[in-house]
C-alpha atoms as a PDB file:
ATOM      1  CA  MET A   1     -29.679  16.066  -8.813  1.00  0.00           C
ATOM      2  CA  ILE A   2     -26.958  14.853  -9.429  1.00  0.00           C
ATOM      3  CA  PRO A   3     -23.665  17.554  -9.401  1.00  0.00           C
ATOM      4  CA  TYR A   4     -21.975  15.399 -12.184  1.00  0.00           C
ATOM      5  CA  ARG A   5     -21.436  11.708 -13.759  1.00  0.00           C
ATOM      6  CA  VAL A   6     -18.433  10.455 -15.683  1.00  0.00           C
ATOM      7  CA  LEU A   7     -18.909   8.924 -19.364  1.00  0.00           C
ATOM      8  CA  ASP A   8     -17.081   6.006 -20.901  1.00  0.00           C
ATOM      9  CA  HIS A   9     -14.050   7.368 -22.759  1.00  0.00           C
ATOM     10  CA  ASP A  10     -11.164   5.272 -24.069  1.00  0.00           C
ATOM     11  CA  ALA A  11      -8.411   7.066 -22.737  1.00  0.00           C
ATOM     12  CA  ASP A  12      -9.373  10.389 -20.952  1.00  0.00           C
ATOM     13  CA  ILE A  13     -11.960  11.144 -18.158  1.00  0.00           C
ATOM     14  CA  LEU A  14     -15.585  12.422 -20.084  1.00  0.00           C
ATOM     15  CA  LEU A  15     -17.725  14.321 -17.929  1.00  0.00           C
ATOM     16  CA  GLU A  16     -21.361  15.620 -17.867  1.00  0.00           C
ATOM     17  CA  VAL A  17     -21.884  18.313 -14.840  1.00  0.00           C
ATOM     18  CA  TYR A  18     -24.910  19.911 -13.819  1.00  0.00           C
ATOM     19  CA  GLY A  19     -26.183  23.000 -12.269  1.00  0.00           C
ATOM     20  CA  ALA A  20     -29.792  25.009 -11.210  1.00  0.00           C
ATOM     21  CA  SER A  21     -27.257  27.926 -12.137  1.00  0.00           C
ATOM     22  CA  ARG A  22     -23.954  28.866 -13.884  1.00  0.00           C
ATOM     23  CA  GLU A  23     -22.866  29.088 -10.741  1.00  0.00           C
ATOM     24  CA  GLU A  24     -23.735  25.633  -9.615  1.00  0.00           C
ATOM     25  CA  LEU A  25     -22.611  24.610 -12.681  1.00  0.00           C
ATOM     26  CA  PHE A  26     -19.059  26.042 -12.565  1.00  0.00           C
ATOM     27  CA  ASN A  27     -18.637  25.084  -8.994  1.00  0.00           C
ATOM     28  CA  ASN A  28     -19.801  21.447  -9.564  1.00  0.00           C
ATOM     29  CA  ALA A  29     -17.151  21.012 -12.661  1.00  0.00           C
ATOM     30  CA  ALA A  30     -14.453  22.497 -10.199  1.00  0.00           C
ATOM     31  CA  ARG A  31     -15.597  19.785  -7.218  1.00  0.00           C
ATOM     32  CA  ALA A  32     -15.591  16.998 -10.316  1.00  0.00           C
ATOM     33  CA  LEU A  33     -12.448  18.073 -11.395  1.00  0.00           C
ATOM     34  CA  THR A  34     -10.496  17.977  -8.178  1.00  0.00           C
ATOM     35  CA  SER A  35     -12.478  14.735  -7.461  1.00  0.00           C
ATOM     36  CA  PHE A  36     -10.078  13.288 -10.009  1.00  0.00           C
ATOM     37  CA  ILE A  37      -6.961  14.917  -8.060  1.00  0.00           C
ATOM     38  CA  ALA A  38      -7.179  13.945  -4.770  1.00  0.00           C
ATOM     39  CA  ASP A  39      -9.964  12.379  -2.426  1.00  0.00           C
ATOM     40  CA  PRO A  40     -12.414  15.540  -1.665  1.00  0.00           C
ATOM     41  CA  GLU A  41     -13.070  14.825   1.831  1.00  0.00           C
ATOM     42  CA  GLY A  42      -9.560  14.656   2.799  1.00  0.00           C
ATOM     43  CA  ILE A  43      -8.918  18.162   1.654  1.00  0.00           C
ATOM     44  CA  VAL A  44      -9.589  20.622   4.300  1.00  0.00           C
ATOM     45  CA  PRO A  45     -10.507  24.468   3.233  1.00  0.00           C
ATOM     46  CA  SER A  46      -7.666  25.737   5.674  1.00  0.00           C
ATOM     47  CA  SER A  47      -6.568  28.710   2.924  1.00  0.00           C
ATOM     48  CA  VAL A  48      -7.753  30.866   0.465  1.00  0.00           C
ATOM     49  CA  LYS A  49      -6.925  31.511  -3.177  1.00  0.00           C
ATOM     50  CA  GLU A  50      -8.694  34.509  -5.300  1.00  0.00           C
ATOM     51  CA  VAL A  51      -8.536  33.853  -9.324  1.00  0.00           C
ATOM     52  CA  VAL A  52      -9.702  36.029 -12.217  1.00  0.00           C
ATOM     53  CA  VAL A  53     -10.529  34.333 -15.135  1.00  0.00           C
ATOM     54  CA  THR A  54     -11.377  35.888 -18.489  1.00  0.00           C
ATOM     55  CA  GLY A  55     -13.743  34.513 -21.472  1.00  0.00           C
ATOM     56  CA  ASN A  56     -17.047  33.884 -22.676  1.00  0.00           C
ATOM     57  CA  GLY A  57     -17.976  31.252 -24.306  1.00  0.00           C
ATOM     58  CA  GLU A  58     -14.504  28.796 -23.212  1.00  0.00           C
ATOM     59  CA  LEU A  59     -14.852  30.408 -19.859  1.00  0.00           C
ATOM     60  CA  LEU A  60     -15.830  27.004 -18.285  1.00  0.00           C
ATOM     61  CA  VAL A  61     -12.447  25.533 -20.227  1.00  0.00           C
ATOM     62  CA  ASN A  62     -10.401  28.489 -18.846  1.00  0.00           C
ATOM     63  CA  PHE A  63     -11.771  28.059 -15.495  1.00  0.00           C
ATOM     64  CA  LEU A  64     -11.100  24.528 -15.147  1.00  0.00           C
ATOM     65  CA  ASN A  65      -7.325  25.023 -16.587  1.00  0.00           C
ATOM     66  CA  GLU A  66      -6.716  27.398 -14.087  1.00  0.00           C
ATOM     67  CA  ILE A  67      -7.527  25.117 -11.429  1.00  0.00           C
ATOM     68  CA  ILE A  68      -4.953  22.278 -12.942  1.00  0.00           C
ATOM     69  CA  TYR A  69      -2.402  25.231 -13.669  1.00  0.00           C
ATOM     70  CA  ILE A  70      -2.677  26.139  -9.914  1.00  0.00           C
ATOM     71  CA  TRP A  71      -2.730  22.389  -8.887  1.00  0.00           C
ATOM     72  CA  GLU A  72       0.488  21.578 -10.965  1.00  0.00           C
ATOM     73  CA  THR A  73       2.429  25.117 -10.024  1.00  0.00           C
ATOM     74  CA  GLN A  74       1.510  25.377  -6.379  1.00  0.00           C
ATOM     75  CA  ARG A  75       0.093  21.962  -5.189  1.00  0.00           C
ATOM     76  CA  PHE A  76      -3.164  23.998  -4.047  1.00  0.00           C
ATOM     77  CA  ILE A  77      -6.657  21.893  -4.158  1.00  0.00           C
ATOM     78  CA  PRO A  78      -9.300  23.583  -3.380  1.00  0.00           C
ATOM     79  CA  ALA A  79     -12.135  21.958  -1.274  1.00  0.00           C
ATOM     80  CA  ASP A  80     -14.534  24.865  -1.687  1.00  0.00           C
ATOM     81  CA  VAL A  81     -15.129  27.253  -4.706  1.00  0.00           C
ATOM     82  CA  SER A  82     -17.437  30.301  -4.518  1.00  0.00           C
ATOM     83  CA  ILE A  83     -17.712  32.006  -8.334  1.00  0.00           C
ATOM     84  CA  THR A  84     -18.835  35.488  -9.147  1.00  0.00           C
ATOM     85  CA  PHE A  85     -19.683  36.254 -12.710  1.00  0.00           C
ATOM     86  CA  ASN A  86     -18.801  39.558 -14.037  1.00  0.00           C
ATOM     87  CA  SER A  87     -18.631  41.087 -17.860  1.00  0.00           C
ATOM     88  CA  GLN A  88     -15.039  40.113 -18.403  1.00  0.00           C
ATOM     89  CA  GLY A  89     -15.383  36.461 -17.016  1.00  0.00           C
ATOM     90  CA  LEU A  90     -15.213  35.356 -13.295  1.00  0.00           C
ATOM     91  CA  THR A  91     -13.612  35.577 -10.173  1.00  0.00           C
ATOM     92  CA  ALA A  92     -13.131  32.766  -8.176  1.00  0.00           C
ATOM     93  CA  THR A  93     -12.361  32.142  -4.269  1.00  0.00           C
ATOM     94  CA  MET A  94     -10.942  28.517  -3.533  1.00  0.00           C
ATOM     95  CA  ARG A  95     -11.149  27.447  -0.452  1.00  0.00           C
ATOM     96  CA  GLY A  96      -8.317  24.589   0.342  1.00  0.00           C
ATOM     97  CA  GLU A  97      -4.988  23.491   1.362  1.00  0.00           C
ATOM     98  CA  THR A  98      -1.923  22.641  -0.085  1.00  0.00           C
ATOM     99  CA  PHE A  99      -0.776  19.008  -1.397  1.00  0.00           C
ATOM    100  CA  ASP A 100       0.297  16.852   2.069  1.00  0.00           C
ATOM    101  CA  ARG A 101       1.940  13.769   1.150  1.00  0.00           C
ATOM    102  CA  ALA A 102       1.259  12.197   4.414  1.00  0.00           C
ATOM    103  CA  ARG A 103      -2.330  12.827   3.686  1.00  0.00           C
ATOM    104  CA  HIS A 104      -3.314  13.040   0.263  1.00  0.00           C
ATOM    105  CA  ILE A 105      -3.096  10.761  -2.241  1.00  0.00           C
ATOM    106  CA  ILE A 106      -2.830  11.989  -5.807  1.00  0.00           C
ATOM    107  CA  LYS A 107      -5.441   9.869  -7.956  1.00  0.00           C
ATOM    108  CA  GLU A 108      -4.673  11.067 -11.493  1.00  0.00           C
ATOM    109  CA  GLU A 109      -2.306  13.713 -13.208  1.00  0.00           C
ATOM    110  CA  LEU A 110      -4.652  15.932 -15.551  1.00  0.00           C
ATOM    111  CA  LYS A 111      -2.907  17.916 -18.333  1.00  0.00           C
ATOM    112  CA  ALA A 112      -5.705  19.828 -19.643  1.00  0.00           C
ATOM    113  CA  VAL A 113      -9.615  20.574 -20.039  1.00  0.00           C
ATOM    114  CA  THR A 114      -9.927  20.405 -23.938  1.00  0.00           C
ATOM    115  CA  TYR A 115     -12.550  21.790 -26.145  1.00  0.00           C
ATOM    116  CA  HIS A 116     -13.151  18.412 -28.082  1.00  0.00           C
ATOM    117  CA  LYS A 117     -16.677  17.612 -27.076  1.00  0.00           C
ATOM    118  CA  PHE A 118     -16.980  20.561 -24.787  1.00  0.00           C
ATOM    119  CA  SER A 119     -20.465  21.933 -24.880  1.00  0.00           C
ATOM    120  CA  ILE A 120     -22.749  24.001 -22.746  1.00  0.00           C
ATOM    121  CA  ILE A 121     -26.452  23.497 -22.876  1.00  0.00           C
ATOM    122  CA  GLU A 122     -29.439  25.289 -20.944  1.00  0.00           C
ATOM    123  CA  GLU A 123     -32.529  23.245 -20.931  1.00  0.00           C
ATOM    124  CA  ASN A 124     -36.059  24.277 -18.594  1.00  0.00           C
ATOM    125  CA  GLY A 125     -33.491  26.455 -16.292  1.00  0.00           C
ATOM    126  CA  MET A 126     -30.707  23.919 -16.379  1.00  0.00           C
ATOM    127  CA  PHE A 127     -27.591  23.842 -17.454  1.00  0.00           C
ATOM    128  CA  ARG A 128     -25.523  20.566 -18.422  1.00  0.00           C
ATOM    129  CA  ALA A 129     -21.853  20.899 -19.487  1.00  0.00           C
ATOM    130  CA  THR A 130     -19.790  17.776 -21.328  1.00  0.00           C
ATOM    131  CA  ILE A 131     -16.452  18.170 -20.335  1.00  0.00           C
ATOM    132  CA  LEU A 132     -13.439  16.093 -21.736  1.00  0.00           C
ATOM    133  CA  ILE A 133     -10.109  16.185 -19.683  1.00  0.00           C
ATOM    134  CA  ASP A 134      -7.060  15.068 -20.739  1.00  0.00           C
ATOM    135  CA  VAL A 135      -4.953  12.558 -18.660  1.00  0.00           C
END
């Protein structure tokens, strides 16, 4: 199974993300988002950041926007994400590194993940999310 695919959209980035579990769905969504910031192959998981994100139906949007916020404010790029869900939302442990101009090239400036076209569907034990990223 592919972790995500890019769908046609005129101005922004429209993704369809897949996972066999909620954890895998969120992890694949984080990887997809990160792949538009910088080449994931060039990111070394040399430091760790832990974030707590709250929400329920909008938890995935909140989580992805938190990754964008950390990128914008700390220039941290996650290479790997581990998700633990709880009754309030989630805790994510992100392994990655701070942007290094000598090694990384910024691919896109991401503004936010929006609620427009957003959905999460569970069918036959598989999860699918549609995500629109404003660039």
